[in-house]
Amino acid sequence: MANRPVRAATIGEVTRVEQLTPHMIRIVVGGAGLTGLTAGACTDHYVKILFPQAGVAYPEPFDLAVIRETLPRDQQPLVRTYTVRRWRPEVPELWLDFVVHGDEGIAGPWAAAAQVGDPVRFMGPGGGYAPNPDAGWHLLAGDESALPAIAAALEGMPAGATVRAFIEVEDVAEEQKLESPAAAEITWLHRDGRPVGEALVEAVRGFDFPAGEVHAFVHGEAAFVKDLRALLRVERGLPMSQLSISGYWRRGLNEDGWQSAKREWNQQVESEQEAAVR
């Protein structure tokens, strides 16, 4: 099988750093490298950020294809996927929101230490969801990892659309002010020490669905996404054409581990739930 071509990396720089909440930091990426970058109408755009490994000298100019050809795998940049909170092509700039929990992980500590002028190398953006303007109403549900996409979806809703959003965060200090042209009702759910997704699943399960065809966006930790997929797909009988559902991460795995297991996980979940539908 022929090797897939390596996509060129976009190289921008940090132009602004904002502390949104105690555990959420916004990194605004701009610079001439973003000129000509294009994105479609999706509200769940994402980029794959390349984090150089400490102590490794990379060729300049930074060329991912050359790096993949000349350096062993354990020295290649680490890749982490982040949703684009907002894309402003007229500037141009990207807003990227990072959940930070001390020194945990790679991207969070990088965001906490980021300074204006720091280089940001990434691939993308990609994306696959945008609110259906013909839907009777919209359901948005997710945790902190999905908050940027939910916020972008709220802003991208048709004026006057009926929207119910359920967002689970650690506590009240992690809430953000969100805006939408839609008739949006936003429910903030606080874990306060409970397992991730428990409060979210309870809230969506106990919610009385309005009449009309729903278009749903459900993203976040894989275990609760699986539970909500079963609720919507199996119990509610909704077709996949009305659903955008994906596990952004999974407890106990970093992104490398989750990406390695995600395809098999998804296939197993789909097989079990489609069998239940039949």
C-alpha atoms as a PDB file:
ATOM      1  CA  MET A   1       0.000   0.000   0.000  1.00  0.00           C
ATOM      2  CA  ALA A   2       1.375   3.412  -0.951  1.00  0.00           C
ATOM      3  CA  ASN A   3       2.143   5.800   1.892  1.00  0.00           C
ATOM      4  CA  ARG A   4      -0.305   8.645   2.256  1.00  0.00           C
ATOM      5  CA  PRO A   5       1.198  12.062   1.472  1.00  0.00           C
ATOM      6  CA  VAL A   6       2.113  14.137   4.525  1.00  0.00           C
ATOM      7  CA  ARG A   7       0.070  17.296   4.763  1.00  0.00           C
ATOM      8  CA  ALA A   8       2.041  20.506   5.077  1.00  0.00           C
ATOM      9  CA  ALA A   9       1.972  22.136   8.481  1.00  0.00           C
ATOM     10  CA  THR A  10       0.787  25.704   8.937  1.00  0.00           C
ATOM     11  CA  ILE A  11       3.124  27.767  11.093  1.00  0.00           C
ATOM     12  CA  GLY A  12       1.605  30.608  13.091  1.00  0.00           C
ATOM     13  CA  GLU A  13       2.468  32.337  16.325  1.00  0.00           C
ATOM     14  CA  VAL A  14       0.806  33.155  19.612  1.00  0.00           C
ATOM     15  CA  THR A  15      -0.636  36.665  19.421  1.00  0.00           C
ATOM     16  CA  ARG A  16      -2.723  36.696  22.603  1.00  0.00           C
ATOM     17  CA  VAL A  17      -3.234  34.596  25.748  1.00  0.00           C
ATOM     18  CA  GLU A  18      -6.456  34.823  27.800  1.00  0.00           C
ATOM     19  CA  GLN A  19      -7.349  33.103  31.079  1.00  0.00           C
ATOM     20  CA  LEU A  20     -11.047  32.372  30.535  1.00  0.00           C
ATOM     21  CA  THR A  21     -11.721  30.380  33.711  1.00  0.00           C
ATOM     22  CA  PRO A  22      -9.494  28.784  36.368  1.00  0.00           C
ATOM     23  CA  HIS A  23      -8.918  25.776  34.080  1.00  0.00           C
ATOM     24  CA  MET A  24      -9.506  27.152  30.567  1.00  0.00           C
ATOM     25  CA  ILE A  25      -6.920  29.179  28.660  1.00  0.00           C
ATOM     26  CA  ARG A  26      -7.433  30.690  25.212  1.00  0.00           C
ATOM     27  CA  ILE A  27      -4.484  30.846  22.858  1.00  0.00           C
ATOM     28  CA  VAL A  28      -5.022  33.117  19.860  1.00  0.00           C
ATOM     29  CA  VAL A  29      -2.870  32.107  16.897  1.00  0.00           C
ATOM     30  CA  GLY A  30      -2.087  34.539  14.094  1.00  0.00           C
ATOM     31  CA  GLY A  31       0.732  35.606  11.832  1.00  0.00           C
ATOM     32  CA  ALA A  32       1.496  35.640   8.133  1.00  0.00           C
ATOM     33  CA  GLY A  33       1.571  31.845   8.040  1.00  0.00           C
ATOM     34  CA  LEU A  34      -2.224  31.771   8.332  1.00  0.00           C
ATOM     35  CA  THR A  35      -2.720  33.870   5.195  1.00  0.00           C
ATOM     36  CA  GLY A  36      -4.627  31.796   2.653  1.00  0.00           C
ATOM     37  CA  LEU A  37      -5.798  29.262   5.236  1.00  0.00           C
ATOM     38  CA  THR A  38      -9.333  28.167   4.413  1.00  0.00           C
ATOM     39  CA  ALA A  39     -12.147  26.623   6.438  1.00  0.00           C
ATOM     40  CA  GLY A  40     -15.684  25.692   5.501  1.00  0.00           C
ATOM     41  CA  ALA A  41     -18.982  26.308   7.267  1.00  0.00           C
ATOM     42  CA  CYS A  42     -18.528  23.698  10.019  1.00  0.00           C
ATOM     43  CA  THR A  43     -18.789  24.810  13.624  1.00  0.00           C
ATOM     44  CA  ASP A  44     -16.659  21.920  14.910  1.00  0.00           C
ATOM     45  CA  HIS A  45     -13.467  22.792  13.068  1.00  0.00           C
ATOM     46  CA  TYR A  46     -10.373  21.249  14.611  1.00  0.00           C
ATOM     47  CA  VAL A  47      -6.634  21.427  14.114  1.00  0.00           C
ATOM     48  CA  LYS A  48      -3.886  18.943  14.912  1.00  0.00           C
ATOM     49  CA  ILE A  49      -1.198  20.802  16.817  1.00  0.00           C
ATOM     50  CA  LEU A  50       2.392  19.589  16.506  1.00  0.00           C
ATOM     51  CA  PHE A  51       4.403  19.772  19.725  1.00  0.00           C
ATOM     52  CA  PRO A  52       8.172  19.430  19.216  1.00  0.00           C
ATOM     53  CA  GLN A  53       9.819  17.069  21.681  1.00  0.00           C
ATOM     54  CA  ALA A  54      12.333  18.479  24.130  1.00  0.00           C
ATOM     55  CA  GLY A  55      15.943  17.981  23.143  1.00  0.00           C
ATOM     56  CA  VAL A  56      15.222  17.143  19.505  1.00  0.00           C
ATOM     57  CA  ALA A  57      16.638  19.412  16.787  1.00  0.00           C
ATOM     58  CA  TYR A  58      14.181  19.789  13.902  1.00  0.00           C
ATOM     59  CA  PRO A  59      15.171  20.943  10.415  1.00  0.00           C
ATOM     60  CA  GLU A  60      14.488  24.523   9.471  1.00  0.00           C
ATOM     61  CA  PRO A  61      12.347  25.448   7.727  1.00  0.00           C
ATOM     62  CA  PHE A  62      10.025  23.116   9.632  1.00  0.00           C
ATOM     63  CA  ASP A  63       8.917  20.488   7.132  1.00  0.00           C
ATOM     64  CA  LEU A  64       6.835  17.614   8.477  1.00  0.00           C
ATOM     65  CA  ALA A  65       7.516  15.409   5.456  1.00  0.00           C
ATOM     66  CA  VAL A  66      11.278  15.764   5.934  1.00  0.00           C
ATOM     67  CA  ILE A  67      10.922  15.148   9.678  1.00  0.00           C
ATOM     68  CA  ARG A  68       8.933  11.949   9.083  1.00  0.00           C
ATOM     69  CA  GLU A  69      11.569  10.730   6.612  1.00  0.00           C
ATOM     70  CA  THR A  70      14.676  11.574   8.627  1.00  0.00           C
ATOM     71  CA  LEU A  71      13.827  11.169  12.311  1.00  0.00           C
ATOM     72  CA  PRO A  72      12.781   8.035  14.219  1.00  0.00           C
ATOM     73  CA  ARG A  73       9.192   7.869  15.364  1.00  0.00           C
ATOM     74  CA  ASP A  74      10.027   8.506  19.007  1.00  0.00           C
ATOM     75  CA  GLN A  75      11.609  11.860  18.086  1.00  0.00           C
ATOM     76  CA  GLN A  76       8.823  13.133  15.852  1.00  0.00           C
ATOM     77  CA  PRO A  77       6.512  15.889  17.104  1.00  0.00           C
ATOM     78  CA  LEU A  78       3.615  14.818  19.305  1.00  0.00           C
ATOM     79  CA  VAL A  79       0.157  15.508  17.859  1.00  0.00           C
ATOM     80  CA  ARG A  80      -2.794  16.789  19.866  1.00  0.00           C
ATOM     81  CA  THR A  81      -6.230  17.640  18.416  1.00  0.00           C
ATOM     82  CA  TYR A  82      -8.045  20.820  19.447  1.00  0.00           C
ATOM     83  CA  THR A  83     -11.321  22.381  18.373  1.00  0.00           C
ATOM     84  CA  VAL A  84     -11.203  25.841  16.833  1.00  0.00           C
ATOM     85  CA  ARG A  85     -13.268  28.129  19.026  1.00  0.00           C
ATOM     86  CA  ARG A  86     -13.355  30.781  16.325  1.00  0.00           C
ATOM     87  CA  TRP A  87     -11.732  31.331  12.935  1.00  0.00           C
ATOM     88  CA  ARG A  88     -11.363  34.965  11.825  1.00  0.00           C
ATOM     89  CA  PRO A  89     -10.047  34.873   8.244  1.00  0.00           C
ATOM     90  CA  GLU A  90     -10.119  38.667   7.918  1.00  0.00           C
ATOM     91  CA  VAL A  91      -7.311  39.012  10.515  1.00  0.00           C
ATOM     92  CA  PRO A  92      -6.366  36.089  10.114  1.00  0.00           C
ATOM     93  CA  GLU A  93      -6.415  34.328  13.484  1.00  0.00           C
ATOM     94  CA  LEU A  94      -7.553  31.123  15.196  1.00  0.00           C
ATOM     95  CA  TRP A  95      -8.871  30.887  18.757  1.00  0.00           C
ATOM     96  CA  LEU A  96      -7.930  27.664  20.544  1.00  0.00           C
ATOM     97  CA  ASP A  97      -9.205  26.912  24.066  1.00  0.00           C
ATOM     98  CA  PHE A  98      -7.197  24.560  26.292  1.00  0.00           C
ATOM     99  CA  VAL A  99      -8.308  22.757  29.443  1.00  0.00           C
ATOM    100  CA  VAL A 100      -5.425  22.981  31.907  1.00  0.00           C
ATOM    101  CA  HIS A 101      -4.974  20.818  35.003  1.00  0.00           C
ATOM    102  CA  GLY A 102      -1.528  21.648  36.362  1.00  0.00           C
ATOM    103  CA  ASP A 103       1.319  19.730  34.750  1.00  0.00           C
ATOM    104  CA  GLU A 104      -0.977  17.022  33.385  1.00  0.00           C
ATOM    105  CA  GLY A 105      -0.591  16.205  29.708  1.00  0.00           C
ATOM    106  CA  ILE A 106       1.284  18.046  26.974  1.00  0.00           C
ATOM    107  CA  ALA A 107      -0.998  20.691  25.489  1.00  0.00           C
ATOM    108  CA  GLY A 108      -2.321  22.074  28.780  1.00  0.00           C
ATOM    109  CA  PRO A 109       1.084  22.861  30.303  1.00  0.00           C
ATOM    110  CA  TRP A 110       2.196  24.333  26.975  1.00  0.00           C
ATOM    111  CA  ALA A 111      -0.830  26.649  26.929  1.00  0.00           C
ATOM    112  CA  ALA A 112      -0.240  27.668  30.556  1.00  0.00           C
ATOM    113  CA  ALA A 113       3.329  28.706  29.711  1.00  0.00           C
ATOM    114  CA  ALA A 114       2.628  30.185  26.244  1.00  0.00           C
ATOM    115  CA  GLN A 115       3.969  33.655  25.472  1.00  0.00           C
ATOM    116  CA  VAL A 116       3.202  36.060  22.646  1.00  0.00           C
ATOM    117  CA  GLY A 117       5.483  35.215  19.735  1.00  0.00           C
ATOM    118  CA  ASP A 118       5.758  31.491  20.480  1.00  0.00           C
ATOM    119  CA  PRO A 119       5.483  29.403  17.282  1.00  0.00           C
ATOM    120  CA  VAL A 120       2.403  27.215  16.766  1.00  0.00           C
ATOM    121  CA  ARG A 121       2.586  24.464  14.162  1.00  0.00           C
ATOM    122  CA  PHE A 122      -0.577  22.680  13.128  1.00  0.00           C
ATOM    123  CA  MET A 123      -2.408  20.783  10.408  1.00  0.00           C
ATOM    124  CA  GLY A 124      -5.972  21.512   9.357  1.00  0.00           C
ATOM    125  CA  PRO A 125      -8.549  22.745   9.953  1.00  0.00           C
ATOM    126  CA  GLY A 126     -10.951  19.855   9.445  1.00  0.00           C
ATOM    127  CA  GLY A 127     -14.560  19.498  10.562  1.00  0.00           C
ATOM    128  CA  GLY A 128     -17.836  17.748   9.861  1.00  0.00           C
ATOM    129  CA  TYR A 129     -20.755  19.342  11.728  1.00  0.00           C
ATOM    130  CA  ALA A 130     -22.835  22.459  11.266  1.00  0.00           C
ATOM    131  CA  PRO A 131     -26.348  23.106  12.662  1.00  0.00           C
ATOM    132  CA  ASN A 132     -29.012  21.993  10.194  1.00  0.00           C
ATOM    133  CA  PRO A 133     -31.171  25.066   9.492  1.00  0.00           C
ATOM    134  CA  ASP A 134     -34.133  22.797   8.652  1.00  0.00           C
ATOM    135  CA  ALA A 135     -34.134  20.945  11.983  1.00  0.00           C
ATOM    136  CA  GLY A 136     -37.111  21.351  14.292  1.00  0.00           C
ATOM    137  CA  TRP A 137     -34.760  21.882  17.239  1.00  0.00           C
ATOM    138  CA  HIS A 138     -31.157  21.331  18.273  1.00  0.00           C
ATOM    139  CA  LEU A 139     -29.562  19.350  21.105  1.00  0.00           C
ATOM    140  CA  LEU A 140     -25.986  20.138  22.153  1.00  0.00           C
ATOM    141  CA  ALA A 141     -24.299  18.096  24.889  1.00  0.00           C
ATOM    142  CA  GLY A 142     -20.712  17.774  26.028  1.00  0.00           C
ATOM    143  CA  ASP A 143     -18.009  18.338  28.605  1.00  0.00           C
ATOM    144  CA  GLU A 144     -15.146  20.883  28.675  1.00  0.00           C
ATOM    145  CA  SER A 145     -13.477  19.291  25.666  1.00  0.00           C
ATOM    146  CA  ALA A 146     -16.626  19.961  23.619  1.00  0.00           C
ATOM    147  CA  LEU A 147     -17.295  23.424  25.040  1.00  0.00           C
ATOM    148  CA  PRO A 148     -15.463  25.324  22.254  1.00  0.00           C
ATOM    149  CA  ALA A 149     -17.447  23.459  19.567  1.00  0.00           C
ATOM    150  CA  ILE A 150     -20.724  23.917  21.449  1.00  0.00           C
ATOM    151  CA  ALA A 151     -20.018  27.631  21.829  1.00  0.00           C
ATOM    152  CA  ALA A 152     -19.254  27.891  18.096  1.00  0.00           C
ATOM    153  CA  ALA A 153     -22.434  25.938  17.280  1.00  0.00           C
ATOM    154  CA  LEU A 154     -24.513  28.283  19.420  1.00  0.00           C
ATOM    155  CA  GLU A 155     -23.092  31.262  17.548  1.00  0.00           C
ATOM    156  CA  GLY A 156     -23.734  29.530  14.218  1.00  0.00           C
ATOM    157  CA  MET A 157     -27.380  28.665  14.871  1.00  0.00           C
ATOM    158  CA  PRO A 158     -30.155  30.080  12.680  1.00  0.00           C
ATOM    159  CA  ALA A 159     -31.827  33.098  14.256  1.00  0.00           C
ATOM    160  CA  GLY A 160     -34.714  32.039  16.462  1.00  0.00           C
ATOM    161  CA  ALA A 161     -33.908  28.299  16.329  1.00  0.00           C
ATOM    162  CA  THR A 162     -34.866  26.231  19.369  1.00  0.00           C
ATOM    163  CA  VAL A 163     -31.747  24.961  21.120  1.00  0.00           C
ATOM    164  CA  ARG A 164     -31.192  23.015  24.325  1.00  0.00           C
ATOM    165  CA  ALA A 165     -27.558  22.840  25.409  1.00  0.00           C
ATOM    166  CA  PHE A 166     -26.219  20.738  28.294  1.00  0.00           C
ATOM    167  CA  ILE A 167     -22.623  21.447  29.279  1.00  0.00           C
ATOM    168  CA  GLU A 168     -20.813  19.648  32.089  1.00  0.00           C
ATOM    169  CA  VAL A 169     -17.873  21.367  33.800  1.00  0.00           C
ATOM    170  CA  GLU A 170     -16.019  20.872  37.072  1.00  0.00           C
ATOM    171  CA  ASP A 171     -17.789  23.607  39.052  1.00  0.00           C
ATOM    172  CA  VAL A 172     -19.509  26.990  38.764  1.00  0.00           C
ATOM    173  CA  ALA A 173     -16.183  28.798  38.258  1.00  0.00           C
ATOM    174  CA  GLU A 174     -15.758  27.001  34.906  1.00  0.00           C
ATOM    175  CA  GLU A 175     -18.934  28.422  33.363  1.00  0.00           C
ATOM    176  CA  GLN A 176     -18.534  30.857  30.465  1.00  0.00           C
ATOM    177  CA  LYS A 177     -20.796  33.479  28.967  1.00  0.00           C
ATOM    178  CA  LEU A 178     -22.118  32.092  25.675  1.00  0.00           C
ATOM    179  CA  GLU A 179     -24.094  33.925  23.012  1.00  0.00           C
ATOM    180  CA  SER A 180     -26.409  32.786  20.238  1.00  0.00           C
ATOM    181  CA  PRO A 181     -28.907  34.270  17.763  1.00  0.00           C
ATOM    182  CA  ALA A 182     -31.092  31.247  18.557  1.00  0.00           C
ATOM    183  CA  ALA A 183     -33.644  30.793  21.311  1.00  0.00           C
ATOM    184  CA  ALA A 184     -31.097  28.832  23.307  1.00  0.00           C
ATOM    185  CA  GLU A 185     -31.573  27.415  26.785  1.00  0.00           C
ATOM    186  CA  ILE A 186     -28.213  26.490  28.298  1.00  0.00           C
ATOM    187  CA  THR A 187     -27.955  24.169  31.292  1.00  0.00           C
ATOM    188  CA  TRP A 188     -24.629  24.115  33.123  1.00  0.00           C
ATOM    189  CA  LEU A 189     -23.932  20.913  35.038  1.00  0.00           C
ATOM    190  CA  HIS A 190     -21.288  20.796  37.786  1.00  0.00           C
ATOM    191  CA  ARG A 191     -19.421  17.591  38.533  1.00  0.00           C
ATOM    192  CA  ASP A 192     -18.224  18.724  41.969  1.00  0.00           C
ATOM    193  CA  GLY A 193     -16.241  15.495  42.278  1.00  0.00           C
ATOM    194  CA  ARG A 194     -18.625  13.131  40.443  1.00  0.00           C
ATOM    195  CA  PRO A 195     -17.360  11.006  37.527  1.00  0.00           C
ATOM    196  CA  VAL A 196     -17.110  12.762  34.172  1.00  0.00           C
ATOM    197  CA  GLY A 197     -20.388  12.577  32.259  1.00  0.00           C
ATOM    198  CA  GLU A 198     -22.579  11.223  35.045  1.00  0.00           C
ATOM    199  CA  ALA A 199     -24.495  14.462  35.586  1.00  0.00           C
ATOM    200  CA  LEU A 200     -24.681  15.078  31.842  1.00  0.00           C
ATOM    201  CA  VAL A 201     -26.228  11.705  31.032  1.00  0.00           C
ATOM    202  CA  GLU A 202     -28.746  12.123  33.862  1.00  0.00           C
ATOM    203  CA  ALA A 203     -29.770  15.554  32.599  1.00  0.00           C
ATOM    204  CA  VAL A 204     -30.229  14.554  28.962  1.00  0.00           C
ATOM    205  CA  ARG A 205     -32.059  11.367  29.920  1.00  0.00           C
ATOM    206  CA  GLY A 206     -34.451  13.279  32.170  1.00  0.00           C
ATOM    207  CA  PHE A 207     -35.136  16.002  29.599  1.00  0.00           C
ATOM    208  CA  ASP A 208     -38.518  16.045  27.834  1.00  0.00           C
ATOM    209  CA  PHE A 209     -37.721  16.307  24.147  1.00  0.00           C
ATOM    210  CA  PRO A 210     -39.702  18.987  22.264  1.00  0.00           C
ATOM    211  CA  ALA A 211     -41.809  18.028  19.277  1.00  0.00           C
ATOM    212  CA  GLY A 212     -40.104  18.078  15.906  1.00  0.00           C
ATOM    213  CA  GLU A 213     -37.011  16.593  14.310  1.00  0.00           C
ATOM    214  CA  VAL A 214     -33.879  17.077  16.387  1.00  0.00           C
ATOM    215  CA  HIS A 215     -30.342  17.641  15.142  1.00  0.00           C
ATOM    216  CA  ALA A 216     -27.966  16.559  17.929  1.00  0.00           C
ATOM    217  CA  PHE A 217     -24.296  17.245  18.630  1.00  0.00           C
ATOM    218  CA  VAL A 218     -22.868  15.059  21.429  1.00  0.00           C
ATOM    219  CA  HIS A 219     -19.120  15.031  22.061  1.00  0.00           C
ATOM    220  CA  GLY A 220     -16.687  14.571  24.923  1.00  0.00           C
ATOM    221  CA  GLU A 221     -15.420  11.674  27.046  1.00  0.00           C
ATOM    222  CA  ALA A 222     -15.995   8.376  25.231  1.00  0.00           C
ATOM    223  CA  ALA A 223     -17.885   6.497  27.976  1.00  0.00           C
ATOM    224  CA  PHE A 224     -20.666   9.055  28.417  1.00  0.00           C
ATOM    225  CA  VAL A 225     -20.806   9.629  24.664  1.00  0.00           C
ATOM    226  CA  LYS A 226     -21.494   5.900  24.309  1.00  0.00           C
ATOM    227  CA  ASP A 227     -24.332   6.153  26.850  1.00  0.00           C
ATOM    228  CA  LEU A 228     -25.900   9.149  25.130  1.00  0.00           C
ATOM    229  CA  ARG A 229     -25.522   7.521  21.718  1.00  0.00           C
ATOM    230  CA  ALA A 230     -27.501   4.562  23.048  1.00  0.00           C
ATOM    231  CA  LEU A 231     -30.153   6.913  24.427  1.00  0.00           C
ATOM    232  CA  LEU A 232     -30.558   8.760  21.131  1.00  0.00           C
ATOM    233  CA  ARG A 233     -29.934   5.972  18.641  1.00  0.00           C
ATOM    234  CA  VAL A 234     -31.491   2.977  20.415  1.00  0.00           C
ATOM    235  CA  GLU A 235     -34.045   4.285  22.909  1.00  0.00           C
ATOM    236  CA  ARG A 236     -35.151   7.313  20.893  1.00  0.00           C
ATOM    237  CA  GLY A 237     -34.694   5.600  17.534  1.00  0.00           C
ATOM    238  CA  LEU A 238     -33.019   8.569  15.878  1.00  0.00           C
ATOM    239  CA  PRO A 239     -31.218   7.945  12.569  1.00  0.00           C
ATOM    240  CA  MET A 240     -27.503   8.707  12.364  1.00  0.00           C
ATOM    241  CA  SER A 241     -28.277  11.403   9.797  1.00  0.00           C
ATOM    242  CA  GLN A 242     -29.612  13.510  12.696  1.00  0.00           C
ATOM    243  CA  LEU A 243     -26.649  12.854  14.983  1.00  0.00           C
ATOM    244  CA  SER A 244     -23.085  14.090  15.274  1.00  0.00           C
ATOM    245  CA  ILE A 245     -21.542  11.930  18.018  1.00  0.00           C
ATOM    246  CA  SER A 246     -17.910  11.261  18.844  1.00  0.00           C
ATOM    247  CA  GLY A 247     -15.638  10.602  21.796  1.00  0.00           C
ATOM    248  CA  TYR A 248     -13.008  13.330  21.863  1.00  0.00           C
ATOM    249  CA  TRP A 249     -11.071  11.539  24.617  1.00  0.00           C
ATOM    250  CA  ARG A 250     -11.243   8.560  26.944  1.00  0.00           C
ATOM    251  CA  ARG A 251     -10.417   8.331  30.633  1.00  0.00           C
ATOM    252  CA  GLY A 252      -7.135   6.568  31.289  1.00  0.00           C
ATOM    253  CA  LEU A 253      -5.691   7.163  27.806  1.00  0.00           C
ATOM    254  CA  ASN A 254      -3.687  10.012  26.314  1.00  0.00           C
ATOM    255  CA  GLU A 255      -4.500  11.038  22.749  1.00  0.00           C
ATOM    256  CA  ASP A 256      -1.973   8.625  21.253  1.00  0.00           C
ATOM    257  CA  GLY A 257      -3.561   5.709  23.098  1.00  0.00           C
ATOM    258  CA  TRP A 258      -7.107   6.833  22.339  1.00  0.00           C
ATOM    259  CA  GLN A 259      -6.464   7.350  18.639  1.00  0.00           C
ATOM    260  CA  SER A 260      -4.971   3.854  18.455  1.00  0.00           C
ATOM    261  CA  ALA A 261      -8.040   2.324  20.099  1.00  0.00           C
ATOM    262  CA  LYS A 262     -10.753   4.659  18.799  1.00  0.00           C
ATOM    263  CA  ARG A 263     -11.573   2.898  15.533  1.00  0.00           C
ATOM    264  CA  GLU A 264     -12.048  -0.488  17.235  1.00  0.00           C
ATOM    265  CA  TRP A 265     -14.032   1.123  20.076  1.00  0.00           C
ATOM    266  CA  ASN A 266     -16.331   2.903  17.624  1.00  0.00           C
ATOM    267  CA  GLN A 267     -16.880  -0.223  15.555  1.00  0.00           C
ATOM    268  CA  GLN A 268     -17.804  -2.218  18.640  1.00  0.00           C
ATOM    269  CA  VAL A 269     -20.200   0.460  19.912  1.00  0.00           C
ATOM    270  CA  GLU A 270     -21.821   0.844  16.494  1.00  0.00           C
ATOM    271  CA  SER A 271     -22.205  -2.905  16.076  1.00  0.00           C
ATOM    272  CA  GLU A 272     -23.821  -3.345  19.504  1.00  0.00           C
ATOM    273  CA  GLN A 273     -26.186  -0.412  19.157  1.00  0.00           C
ATOM    274  CA  GLU A 274     -27.161  -1.043  15.552  1.00  0.00           C
ATOM    275  CA  ALA A 275     -28.010  -4.623  16.534  1.00  0.00           C
ATOM    276  CA  ALA A 276     -30.212  -3.220  19.316  1.00  0.00           C
ATOM    277  CA  VAL A 277     -31.967  -0.919  16.844  1.00  0.00           C
ATOM    278  CA  ARG A 278     -32.776  -3.870  14.577  1.00  0.00           C
END
